[in-house]
Structure formats: structure tokens, C-alpha cells
Amino acid sequence: MLKHTLKQFISKATVMTTLLAIFTSFSNFANATIIQIQTSKGEIEVNLFDKTTPKTVDNFLGYISDNAYDDTIVHRSIAGFITQSGGYSFNAEDNLVEVTEKPTVINEPVYSNVRGTIAMAKLGGDPNSATSQWFINLADNSANLDSQNGGFTVFGQVTEAGMVVMDSIAAMQTKNFGGAFTNTPVESTSANRTRENSVVISSIAITDTNVESAVTLEPELNSRTKNTSQTTNSSTSTGTLDLPLLLILIALLKVKFPIRKQSK
């Protein structure tokens, strides 16, 4: 009898530990380091999801620490879709050169590519190929980008004021310079691809390293991972929530926990 009771207690303790781990992970998903992207069109503040997309955030902060994003260009902008940067910068002679890439980072498609999120660009057909290039979603692109190529990793959220700047960039005219520059925002389509004619990111700085500094954020989960504990890609286990398992655990423990509804 004692053995059975002890076994039952251990079983419940294990379940409780698992349940608490799930809730701890889920409740902390909004914690963030804050960065500021200084562009020729204004400042863009972004909250990074340190705890739920840690490898992607570490990768991004690594480029910031190396000043790799200084004098980079917004080389692609498609109104109603995305703006993209992080791949090319102006050198001392004002010639565009490629940003030196670090090793690729593993895919972490926890959150949805809705308007106002920042995500990593990558090569087609290779989910784990992200390096330096990133983009900001100008619209709800979840139907396309949440599932394409293993899902694009959203690793931060732009503030409302930052999106005003992003929308002003998206409203600019674009010019096709060929190659990676088919939709480059410019001041004048009659001018060449110069610093003065481009949207330039002079720098990206970390303004708040406290990962508890953005606790009011509630990013939406990636549509592929909303009801699963992990996707078939082994790299996407962080930050997902297995709802059926959670309900079973709660039933076993005969307790009730508040489940916060995800904002749209």
C-alpha cells in the first residue's frame, strides 16, 4: 500500500514538474532584450524574444556586437509584404559590399509571421540556412511564411512607433538594380544606387538588456506549432505548447490553471 502510494506521489510530482516547466516556458515567452535600429528614415525599436528563440537572438546580437549592420542598406521592400536588410553595406568608398556572414543558425519557428514581427531570411529549400539577413513583416504573412521552407523564424516584435517608420519606407518608390536589388527603395528612380539615394541603417544598438523588459508583449504562435509540443523539425521544440497533453495533465492533477488567450 505504501509502495503504491509513493509511486502515485512520484508520478504526480513528475507530472507537476512537467506542467510547471511548460507554464514557465509559456508565460515567459514575451520577455525581451530591446534594440533600436537607426535608419535614415527614423528609429525602429524592436523587442527580441530571448527565451523562446535563443539561438536566433544570439546570432542577431552577435552581428550587432560586431557592428556588422552599420551602414547596411534596406535592399528589398515590397509594399504589403516585407522589407529586408542585413545583407549589404556601404564601405568607406561608398561601394556596396556583402556583410560577412557567420555560421548558419538553426531554425526556431515558434511565432507567427504577422504584421510587425522581425524574422530571419534564408535560402530556399534549407530551413537552417539563416545568417545575417532579416526582414520585417509589413502585413499578416502567416498563411505563407509560417509553413514555407520549414517556417520563417520570428524572433522579435516591432513597436507601434517603429511600424510607422516601416510603413514610410514601404511607401517609397523602388528600383530594379538587378540581382538581389530588384525591389530596392530609393529617393529617386532616376538616380544611381548611392548612400544618399538609399534607405541606410547607420547602426543597430542594444538599448535594454533586461529580458524582463517587455512582459506585456503577446506574440502569436506559429500556425504550425499552436497545437503541438514540437514540429517534425528537431530544431523547433522551444516555446511550443502541447494543448492536448496539457489538458490531460490538468485532468490528472484535478487542478485548474488560467490559460491566457493569444492576441491576434
C-alpha atoms as a PDB file:
ATOM      1  CA  MET A   1       0.000   0.000   0.000  1.00  0.00           C
ATOM      2  CA  LEU A   2       2.823   2.371   0.969  1.00  0.00           C
ATOM      3  CA  LYS A   3       4.734   1.438  -2.173  1.00  0.00           C
ATOM      4  CA  HIS A   4       1.670   2.130  -4.326  1.00  0.00           C
ATOM      5  CA  THR A   5       1.050   5.479  -2.602  1.00  0.00           C
ATOM      6  CA  LEU A   6       4.706   6.507  -3.000  1.00  0.00           C
ATOM      7  CA  LYS A   7       4.655   5.523  -6.657  1.00  0.00           C
ATOM      8  CA  GLN A   8       1.479   7.533  -7.168  1.00  0.00           C
ATOM      9  CA  PHE A   9       3.020  10.533  -5.388  1.00  0.00           C
ATOM     10  CA  ILE A  10       6.180  10.381  -7.508  1.00  0.00           C
ATOM     11  CA  SER A  11       4.045  10.081 -10.636  1.00  0.00           C
ATOM     12  CA  LYS A  12       2.037  13.165  -9.677  1.00  0.00           C
ATOM     13  CA  ALA A  13       5.215  15.043  -8.740  1.00  0.00           C
ATOM     14  CA  THR A  14       6.684  14.253 -12.147  1.00  0.00           C
ATOM     15  CA  VAL A  15       3.549  15.460 -13.857  1.00  0.00           C
ATOM     16  CA  MET A  16       3.560  18.641 -11.761  1.00  0.00           C
ATOM     17  CA  THR A  17       7.209  19.308 -12.659  1.00  0.00           C
ATOM     18  CA  THR A  18       6.451  18.860 -16.342  1.00  0.00           C
ATOM     19  CA  LEU A  19       3.391  21.056 -16.087  1.00  0.00           C
ATOM     20  CA  LEU A  20       5.278  23.814 -14.289  1.00  0.00           C
ATOM     21  CA  ALA A  21       8.058  23.673 -16.877  1.00  0.00           C
ATOM     22  CA  ILE A  22       5.507  24.110 -19.659  1.00  0.00           C
ATOM     23  CA  PHE A  23       3.839  27.021 -17.938  1.00  0.00           C
ATOM     24  CA  THR A  24       7.155  28.656 -17.064  1.00  0.00           C
ATOM     25  CA  SER A  25       8.243  28.483 -20.684  1.00  0.00           C
ATOM     26  CA  PHE A  26       4.882  29.663 -21.982  1.00  0.00           C
ATOM     27  CA  SER A  27       4.440  32.529 -19.515  1.00  0.00           C
ATOM     28  CA  ASN A  28       7.905  33.910 -20.211  1.00  0.00           C
ATOM     29  CA  PHE A  29       7.631  33.913 -23.976  1.00  0.00           C
ATOM     30  CA  ALA A  30       7.250  37.694 -24.122  1.00  0.00           C
ATOM     31  CA  ASN A  31      10.434  38.642 -22.264  1.00  0.00           C
ATOM     32  CA  ALA A  32      12.774  40.682 -24.390  1.00  0.00           C
ATOM     33  CA  THR A  33      16.025  42.469 -24.983  1.00  0.00           C
ATOM     34  CA  ILE A  34      15.252  45.783 -26.673  1.00  0.00           C
ATOM     35  CA  ILE A  35      17.191  47.069 -29.674  1.00  0.00           C
ATOM     36  CA  GLN A  36      16.980  50.253 -31.714  1.00  0.00           C
ATOM     37  CA  ILE A  37      17.514  50.265 -35.479  1.00  0.00           C
ATOM     38  CA  GLN A  38      18.694  53.718 -36.551  1.00  0.00           C
ATOM     39  CA  THR A  39      17.720  54.339 -40.185  1.00  0.00           C
ATOM     40  CA  SER A  40      17.867  57.352 -42.474  1.00  0.00           C
ATOM     41  CA  LYS A  41      14.063  57.411 -42.164  1.00  0.00           C
ATOM     42  CA  GLY A  42      13.821  57.237 -38.384  1.00  0.00           C
ATOM     43  CA  GLU A  43      14.262  54.947 -35.403  1.00  0.00           C
ATOM     44  CA  ILE A  44      12.760  51.473 -35.180  1.00  0.00           C
ATOM     45  CA  GLU A  45      12.512  49.854 -31.753  1.00  0.00           C
ATOM     46  CA  VAL A  46      12.311  46.074 -31.584  1.00  0.00           C
ATOM     47  CA  ASN A  47      11.737  43.669 -28.683  1.00  0.00           C
ATOM     48  CA  LEU A  48      13.629  40.394 -29.097  1.00  0.00           C
ATOM     49  CA  PHE A  49      12.335  37.042 -27.871  1.00  0.00           C
ATOM     50  CA  ASP A  50      15.436  35.914 -25.994  1.00  0.00           C
ATOM     51  CA  LYS A  51      13.960  32.964 -24.137  1.00  0.00           C
ATOM     52  CA  THR A  52      11.948  31.277 -26.875  1.00  0.00           C
ATOM     53  CA  THR A  53      14.155  31.893 -29.931  1.00  0.00           C
ATOM     54  CA  PRO A  54      17.519  31.991 -28.120  1.00  0.00           C
ATOM     55  CA  LYS A  55      19.801  30.808 -30.908  1.00  0.00           C
ATOM     56  CA  THR A  56      18.350  33.270 -33.407  1.00  0.00           C
ATOM     57  CA  VAL A  57      18.554  36.170 -30.959  1.00  0.00           C
ATOM     58  CA  ASP A  58      22.145  35.268 -30.027  1.00  0.00           C
ATOM     59  CA  ASN A  59      23.016  35.170 -33.714  1.00  0.00           C
ATOM     60  CA  PHE A  60      21.435  38.580 -34.330  1.00  0.00           C
ATOM     61  CA  LEU A  61      23.082  40.157 -31.278  1.00  0.00           C
ATOM     62  CA  GLY A  62      26.409  38.757 -32.456  1.00  0.00           C
ATOM     63  CA  TYR A  63      26.163  40.768 -35.672  1.00  0.00           C
ATOM     64  CA  ILE A  64      25.201  43.842 -33.649  1.00  0.00           C
ATOM     65  CA  SER A  65      28.202  43.391 -31.337  1.00  0.00           C
ATOM     66  CA  ASP A  66      30.496  43.219 -34.363  1.00  0.00           C
ATOM     67  CA  ASN A  67      28.903  46.382 -35.826  1.00  0.00           C
ATOM     68  CA  ALA A  68      28.178  44.291 -38.905  1.00  0.00           C
ATOM     69  CA  TYR A  69      24.875  46.076 -39.509  1.00  0.00           C
ATOM     70  CA  ASP A  70      26.428  49.558 -39.544  1.00  0.00           C
ATOM     71  CA  ASP A  71      25.801  51.324 -42.878  1.00  0.00           C
ATOM     72  CA  THR A  72      23.719  48.455 -44.220  1.00  0.00           C
ATOM     73  CA  ILE A  73      21.057  49.101 -46.826  1.00  0.00           C
ATOM     74  CA  VAL A  74      17.392  48.171 -46.981  1.00  0.00           C
ATOM     75  CA  HIS A  75      17.889  46.320 -50.250  1.00  0.00           C
ATOM     76  CA  ARG A  76      14.382  44.922 -50.678  1.00  0.00           C
ATOM     77  CA  SER A  77      10.971  46.400 -49.961  1.00  0.00           C
ATOM     78  CA  ILE A  78       7.619  45.117 -51.168  1.00  0.00           C
ATOM     79  CA  ALA A  79       4.588  47.100 -50.002  1.00  0.00           C
ATOM     80  CA  GLY A  80       2.058  44.924 -48.198  1.00  0.00           C
ATOM     81  CA  PHE A  81       4.632  42.180 -47.709  1.00  0.00           C
ATOM     82  CA  ILE A  82       8.119  42.745 -46.213  1.00  0.00           C
ATOM     83  CA  THR A  83      11.202  44.950 -46.059  1.00  0.00           C
ATOM     84  CA  GLN A  84      14.594  43.227 -45.936  1.00  0.00           C
ATOM     85  CA  SER A  85      18.093  44.159 -44.823  1.00  0.00           C
ATOM     86  CA  GLY A  86      21.260  42.761 -43.243  1.00  0.00           C
ATOM     87  CA  GLY A  87      22.966  41.577 -46.411  1.00  0.00           C
ATOM     88  CA  TYR A  88      24.829  44.547 -47.887  1.00  0.00           C
ATOM     89  CA  SER A  89      26.608  47.611 -46.521  1.00  0.00           C
ATOM     90  CA  PHE A  90      28.385  50.688 -47.816  1.00  0.00           C
ATOM     91  CA  ASN A  91      32.149  50.671 -47.323  1.00  0.00           C
ATOM     92  CA  ALA A  92      34.420  53.698 -46.886  1.00  0.00           C
ATOM     93  CA  GLU A  93      34.339  54.317 -50.650  1.00  0.00           C
ATOM     94  CA  ASP A  94      30.524  54.166 -50.633  1.00  0.00           C
ATOM     95  CA  ASN A  95      30.504  50.933 -52.576  1.00  0.00           C
ATOM     96  CA  LEU A  96      28.111  48.178 -51.565  1.00  0.00           C
ATOM     97  CA  VAL A  97      29.773  45.052 -50.190  1.00  0.00           C
ATOM     98  CA  GLU A  98      28.307  41.893 -48.714  1.00  0.00           C
ATOM     99  CA  VAL A  99      28.053  41.613 -44.943  1.00  0.00           C
ATOM    100  CA  THR A 100      30.470  38.962 -43.688  1.00  0.00           C
ATOM    101  CA  GLU A 101      28.302  36.036 -42.662  1.00  0.00           C
ATOM    102  CA  LYS A 102      28.656  33.988 -39.511  1.00  0.00           C
ATOM    103  CA  PRO A 103      27.768  30.263 -39.405  1.00  0.00           C
ATOM    104  CA  THR A 104      24.135  29.448 -40.139  1.00  0.00           C
ATOM    105  CA  VAL A 105      21.667  29.377 -37.271  1.00  0.00           C
ATOM    106  CA  ILE A 106      19.175  26.605 -36.559  1.00  0.00           C
ATOM    107  CA  ASN A 107      15.530  27.336 -37.398  1.00  0.00           C
ATOM    108  CA  GLU A 108      13.228  28.253 -34.487  1.00  0.00           C
ATOM    109  CA  PRO A 109       9.732  28.829 -35.972  1.00  0.00           C
ATOM    110  CA  VAL A 110       7.892  29.389 -32.696  1.00  0.00           C
ATOM    111  CA  TYR A 111       5.942  32.539 -33.590  1.00  0.00           C
ATOM    112  CA  SER A 112       3.759  33.631 -36.470  1.00  0.00           C
ATOM    113  CA  ASN A 113       4.804  35.975 -39.278  1.00  0.00           C
ATOM    114  CA  VAL A 114       2.154  38.572 -38.573  1.00  0.00           C
ATOM    115  CA  ARG A 115       2.465  42.311 -39.147  1.00  0.00           C
ATOM    116  CA  GLY A 116       5.106  43.998 -37.034  1.00  0.00           C
ATOM    117  CA  THR A 117       7.344  40.979 -36.479  1.00  0.00           C
ATOM    118  CA  ILE A 118      11.000  40.645 -37.428  1.00  0.00           C
ATOM    119  CA  ALA A 119      12.201  37.353 -38.901  1.00  0.00           C
ATOM    120  CA  MET A 120      15.264  35.771 -40.490  1.00  0.00           C
ATOM    121  CA  ALA A 121      15.708  35.400 -44.245  1.00  0.00           C
ATOM    122  CA  LYS A 122      17.187  32.161 -45.534  1.00  0.00           C
ATOM    123  CA  LEU A 123      17.953  30.136 -48.645  1.00  0.00           C
ATOM    124  CA  GLY A 124      15.129  28.308 -50.408  1.00  0.00           C
ATOM    125  CA  GLY A 125      14.869  24.629 -49.510  1.00  0.00           C
ATOM    126  CA  ASP A 126      17.077  24.921 -46.432  1.00  0.00           C
ATOM    127  CA  PRO A 127      15.256  25.729 -43.148  1.00  0.00           C
ATOM    128  CA  ASN A 128      18.522  26.084 -41.217  1.00  0.00           C
ATOM    129  CA  SER A 129      20.329  28.490 -43.556  1.00  0.00           C
ATOM    130  CA  ALA A 130      19.724  31.869 -41.881  1.00  0.00           C
ATOM    131  CA  THR A 131      22.807  34.036 -41.337  1.00  0.00           C
ATOM    132  CA  SER A 132      22.775  37.854 -41.363  1.00  0.00           C
ATOM    133  CA  GLN A 133      19.743  38.878 -43.398  1.00  0.00           C
ATOM    134  CA  TRP A 134      16.455  39.724 -41.704  1.00  0.00           C
ATOM    135  CA  PHE A 135      13.095  41.164 -42.676  1.00  0.00           C
ATOM    136  CA  ILE A 136      10.129  42.885 -41.078  1.00  0.00           C
ATOM    137  CA  ASN A 137       6.601  41.759 -41.912  1.00  0.00           C
ATOM    138  CA  LEU A 138       4.509  44.670 -43.174  1.00  0.00           C
ATOM    139  CA  ALA A 139       1.327  42.573 -43.209  1.00  0.00           C
ATOM    140  CA  ASP A 140      -0.013  39.279 -41.879  1.00  0.00           C
ATOM    141  CA  ASN A 141       2.120  36.816 -43.871  1.00  0.00           C
ATOM    142  CA  SER A 142       1.378  33.828 -41.648  1.00  0.00           C
ATOM    143  CA  ALA A 143      -0.526  31.865 -44.314  1.00  0.00           C
ATOM    144  CA  ASN A 144       2.599  31.869 -46.473  1.00  0.00           C
ATOM    145  CA  LEU A 145       5.677  32.256 -44.277  1.00  0.00           C
ATOM    146  CA  ASP A 146       4.664  30.151 -41.264  1.00  0.00           C
ATOM    147  CA  SER A 147       4.850  26.979 -43.333  1.00  0.00           C
ATOM    148  CA  GLN A 148       7.172  27.799 -46.237  1.00  0.00           C
ATOM    149  CA  ASN A 149      10.683  26.309 -46.017  1.00  0.00           C
ATOM    150  CA  GLY A 150      10.141  24.960 -42.506  1.00  0.00           C
ATOM    151  CA  GLY A 151       8.640  28.235 -41.337  1.00  0.00           C
ATOM    152  CA  PHE A 152      10.488  31.552 -41.089  1.00  0.00           C
ATOM    153  CA  THR A 153      11.810  32.273 -37.606  1.00  0.00           C
ATOM    154  CA  VAL A 154      10.165  35.284 -35.986  1.00  0.00           C
ATOM    155  CA  PHE A 155      12.491  36.456 -33.216  1.00  0.00           C
ATOM    156  CA  GLY A 156      11.126  39.863 -32.250  1.00  0.00           C
ATOM    157  CA  GLN A 157       8.337  42.406 -32.415  1.00  0.00           C
ATOM    158  CA  VAL A 158       8.487  45.999 -33.642  1.00  0.00           C
ATOM    159  CA  THR A 159       6.797  48.710 -31.579  1.00  0.00           C
ATOM    160  CA  GLU A 160       3.880  50.697 -33.000  1.00  0.00           C
ATOM    161  CA  ALA A 161       6.076  53.768 -33.441  1.00  0.00           C
ATOM    162  CA  GLY A 162       8.629  51.644 -35.267  1.00  0.00           C
ATOM    163  CA  MET A 163       5.980  50.379 -37.668  1.00  0.00           C
ATOM    164  CA  VAL A 164       5.136  53.981 -38.602  1.00  0.00           C
ATOM    165  CA  VAL A 165       8.727  54.281 -39.830  1.00  0.00           C
ATOM    166  CA  MET A 166       8.500  50.919 -41.575  1.00  0.00           C
ATOM    167  CA  ASP A 167       5.327  51.972 -43.372  1.00  0.00           C
ATOM    168  CA  SER A 168       7.044  55.152 -44.572  1.00  0.00           C
ATOM    169  CA  ILE A 169       9.845  53.033 -46.044  1.00  0.00           C
ATOM    170  CA  ALA A 170       7.308  50.687 -47.625  1.00  0.00           C
ATOM    171  CA  ALA A 171       5.613  53.685 -49.261  1.00  0.00           C
ATOM    172  CA  MET A 172       8.803  54.689 -51.078  1.00  0.00           C
ATOM    173  CA  GLN A 173       9.284  54.049 -54.763  1.00  0.00           C
ATOM    174  CA  THR A 174      11.533  51.132 -55.665  1.00  0.00           C
ATOM    175  CA  LYS A 175      14.024  50.479 -58.424  1.00  0.00           C
ATOM    176  CA  ASN A 176      15.304  47.282 -60.020  1.00  0.00           C
ATOM    177  CA  PHE A 177      19.107  47.277 -59.927  1.00  0.00           C
ATOM    178  CA  GLY A 178      19.287  43.565 -60.717  1.00  0.00           C
ATOM    179  CA  GLY A 179      20.397  40.585 -58.639  1.00  0.00           C
ATOM    180  CA  ALA A 180      19.356  40.935 -55.004  1.00  0.00           C
ATOM    181  CA  PHE A 181      18.268  44.531 -55.638  1.00  0.00           C
ATOM    182  CA  THR A 182      15.109  44.050 -57.692  1.00  0.00           C
ATOM    183  CA  ASN A 183      12.884  45.995 -55.260  1.00  0.00           C
ATOM    184  CA  THR A 184      15.224  48.496 -53.647  1.00  0.00           C
ATOM    185  CA  PRO A 185      13.568  51.530 -52.030  1.00  0.00           C
ATOM    186  CA  VAL A 186      15.053  54.766 -53.364  1.00  0.00           C
ATOM    187  CA  GLU A 187      14.578  58.501 -53.052  1.00  0.00           C
ATOM    188  CA  SER A 188      14.675  58.848 -56.838  1.00  0.00           C
ATOM    189  CA  THR A 189      14.362  56.227 -59.559  1.00  0.00           C
ATOM    190  CA  SER A 190      16.450  58.388 -61.871  1.00  0.00           C
ATOM    191  CA  ALA A 191      19.474  58.252 -59.550  1.00  0.00           C
ATOM    192  CA  ASN A 192      22.025  55.506 -59.010  1.00  0.00           C
ATOM    193  CA  ARG A 193      22.322  53.207 -56.009  1.00  0.00           C
ATOM    194  CA  THR A 194      24.141  55.618 -53.729  1.00  0.00           C
ATOM    195  CA  ARG A 195      24.090  56.231 -49.998  1.00  0.00           C
ATOM    196  CA  GLU A 196      22.052  59.403 -50.490  1.00  0.00           C
ATOM    197  CA  ASN A 197      19.511  57.607 -52.663  1.00  0.00           C
ATOM    198  CA  SER A 198      19.067  54.629 -50.327  1.00  0.00           C
ATOM    199  CA  VAL A 199      17.487  53.743 -47.004  1.00  0.00           C
ATOM    200  CA  VAL A 200      20.567  53.264 -44.846  1.00  0.00           C
ATOM    201  CA  ILE A 201      20.766  51.667 -41.405  1.00  0.00           C
ATOM    202  CA  SER A 202      23.537  53.615 -39.721  1.00  0.00           C
ATOM    203  CA  SER A 203      23.596  51.328 -36.687  1.00  0.00           C
ATOM    204  CA  ILE A 204      21.677  48.895 -34.502  1.00  0.00           C
ATOM    205  CA  ALA A 205      22.149  49.289 -30.770  1.00  0.00           C
ATOM    206  CA  ILE A 206      21.020  47.348 -27.710  1.00  0.00           C
ATOM    207  CA  THR A 207      19.094  49.794 -25.537  1.00  0.00           C
ATOM    208  CA  ASP A 208      17.891  47.435 -22.798  1.00  0.00           C
ATOM    209  CA  THR A 209      19.493  44.120 -21.883  1.00  0.00           C
ATOM    210  CA  ASN A 210      16.859  43.224 -19.287  1.00  0.00           C
ATOM    211  CA  VAL A 211      14.979  40.232 -20.684  1.00  0.00           C
ATOM    212  CA  GLU A 212      12.045  41.078 -18.428  1.00  0.00           C
ATOM    213  CA  SER A 213      11.597  44.493 -20.053  1.00  0.00           C
ATOM    214  CA  ALA A 214       8.764  43.669 -22.446  1.00  0.00           C
ATOM    215  CA  VAL A 215       6.460  41.451 -20.420  1.00  0.00           C
ATOM    216  CA  THR A 216       3.307  42.919 -21.952  1.00  0.00           C
ATOM    217  CA  LEU A 217       4.063  41.528 -25.406  1.00  0.00           C
ATOM    218  CA  GLU A 218       1.910  38.624 -26.552  1.00  0.00           C
ATOM    219  CA  PRO A 219       3.208  37.365 -29.907  1.00  0.00           C
ATOM    220  CA  GLU A 220       1.054  34.899 -31.767  1.00  0.00           C
ATOM    221  CA  LEU A 221       2.283  31.325 -32.042  1.00  0.00           C
ATOM    222  CA  ASN A 222       3.246  29.944 -35.425  1.00  0.00           C
ATOM    223  CA  SER A 223       0.225  28.257 -37.014  1.00  0.00           C
ATOM    224  CA  ARG A 224       2.209  25.024 -37.440  1.00  0.00           C
ATOM    225  CA  THR A 225       3.045  24.749 -33.758  1.00  0.00           C
ATOM    226  CA  LYS A 226      -0.033  26.038 -31.944  1.00  0.00           C
ATOM    227  CA  ASN A 227      -1.316  22.563 -31.013  1.00  0.00           C
ATOM    228  CA  THR A 228       1.862  20.507 -30.964  1.00  0.00           C
ATOM    229  CA  SER A 229       4.652  20.119 -28.449  1.00  0.00           C
ATOM    230  CA  GLN A 230       7.208  20.195 -31.243  1.00  0.00           C
ATOM    231  CA  THR A 231       7.315  20.127 -35.045  1.00  0.00           C
ATOM    232  CA  THR A 232       8.909  17.402 -37.126  1.00  0.00           C
ATOM    233  CA  ASN A 233      11.959  19.642 -37.407  1.00  0.00           C
ATOM    234  CA  SER A 234      14.074  18.814 -34.344  1.00  0.00           C
ATOM    235  CA  SER A 235      15.126  22.434 -34.015  1.00  0.00           C
ATOM    236  CA  THR A 236      11.697  23.828 -33.221  1.00  0.00           C
ATOM    237  CA  SER A 237      10.936  22.388 -29.810  1.00  0.00           C
ATOM    238  CA  THR A 238      11.459  25.622 -27.845  1.00  0.00           C
ATOM    239  CA  GLY A 239       8.416  27.641 -26.876  1.00  0.00           C
ATOM    240  CA  THR A 240       5.664  25.385 -28.244  1.00  0.00           C
ATOM    241  CA  LEU A 241       2.691  24.177 -26.250  1.00  0.00           C
ATOM    242  CA  ASP A 242       1.089  20.724 -26.486  1.00  0.00           C
ATOM    243  CA  LEU A 243      -2.516  21.618 -25.653  1.00  0.00           C
ATOM    244  CA  PRO A 244      -3.893  18.036 -25.596  1.00  0.00           C
ATOM    245  CA  LEU A 245      -1.071  16.951 -23.269  1.00  0.00           C
ATOM    246  CA  LEU A 246      -1.628  19.971 -21.078  1.00  0.00           C
ATOM    247  CA  LEU A 247      -5.326  19.187 -20.713  1.00  0.00           C
ATOM    248  CA  ILE A 248      -4.540  15.602 -19.791  1.00  0.00           C
ATOM    249  CA  LEU A 249      -2.028  16.711 -17.178  1.00  0.00           C
ATOM    250  CA  ILE A 250      -4.514  19.123 -15.665  1.00  0.00           C
ATOM    251  CA  ALA A 251      -7.155  16.389 -15.570  1.00  0.00           C
ATOM    252  CA  LEU A 252      -4.756  14.006 -13.839  1.00  0.00           C
ATOM    253  CA  LEU A 253      -3.885  16.583 -11.225  1.00  0.00           C
ATOM    254  CA  LYS A 254      -7.515  17.701 -10.865  1.00  0.00           C
ATOM    255  CA  VAL A 255      -6.463  21.336 -10.739  1.00  0.00           C
ATOM    256  CA  LYS A 256      -7.332  24.381 -12.761  1.00  0.00           C
ATOM    257  CA  PHE A 257      -4.855  26.803 -14.257  1.00  0.00           C
ATOM    258  CA  PRO A 258      -5.592  30.051 -16.150  1.00  0.00           C
ATOM    259  CA  ILE A 259      -4.669  29.755 -19.831  1.00  0.00           C
ATOM    260  CA  ARG A 260      -4.052  33.137 -21.414  1.00  0.00           C
ATOM    261  CA  LYS A 261      -5.694  33.674 -24.762  1.00  0.00           C
ATOM    262  CA  GLN A 262      -3.301  34.608 -27.547  1.00  0.00           C
ATOM    263  CA  SER A 263      -3.794  38.057 -29.022  1.00  0.00           C
ATOM    264  CA  LYS A 264      -4.470  38.356 -32.721  1.00  0.00           C
END
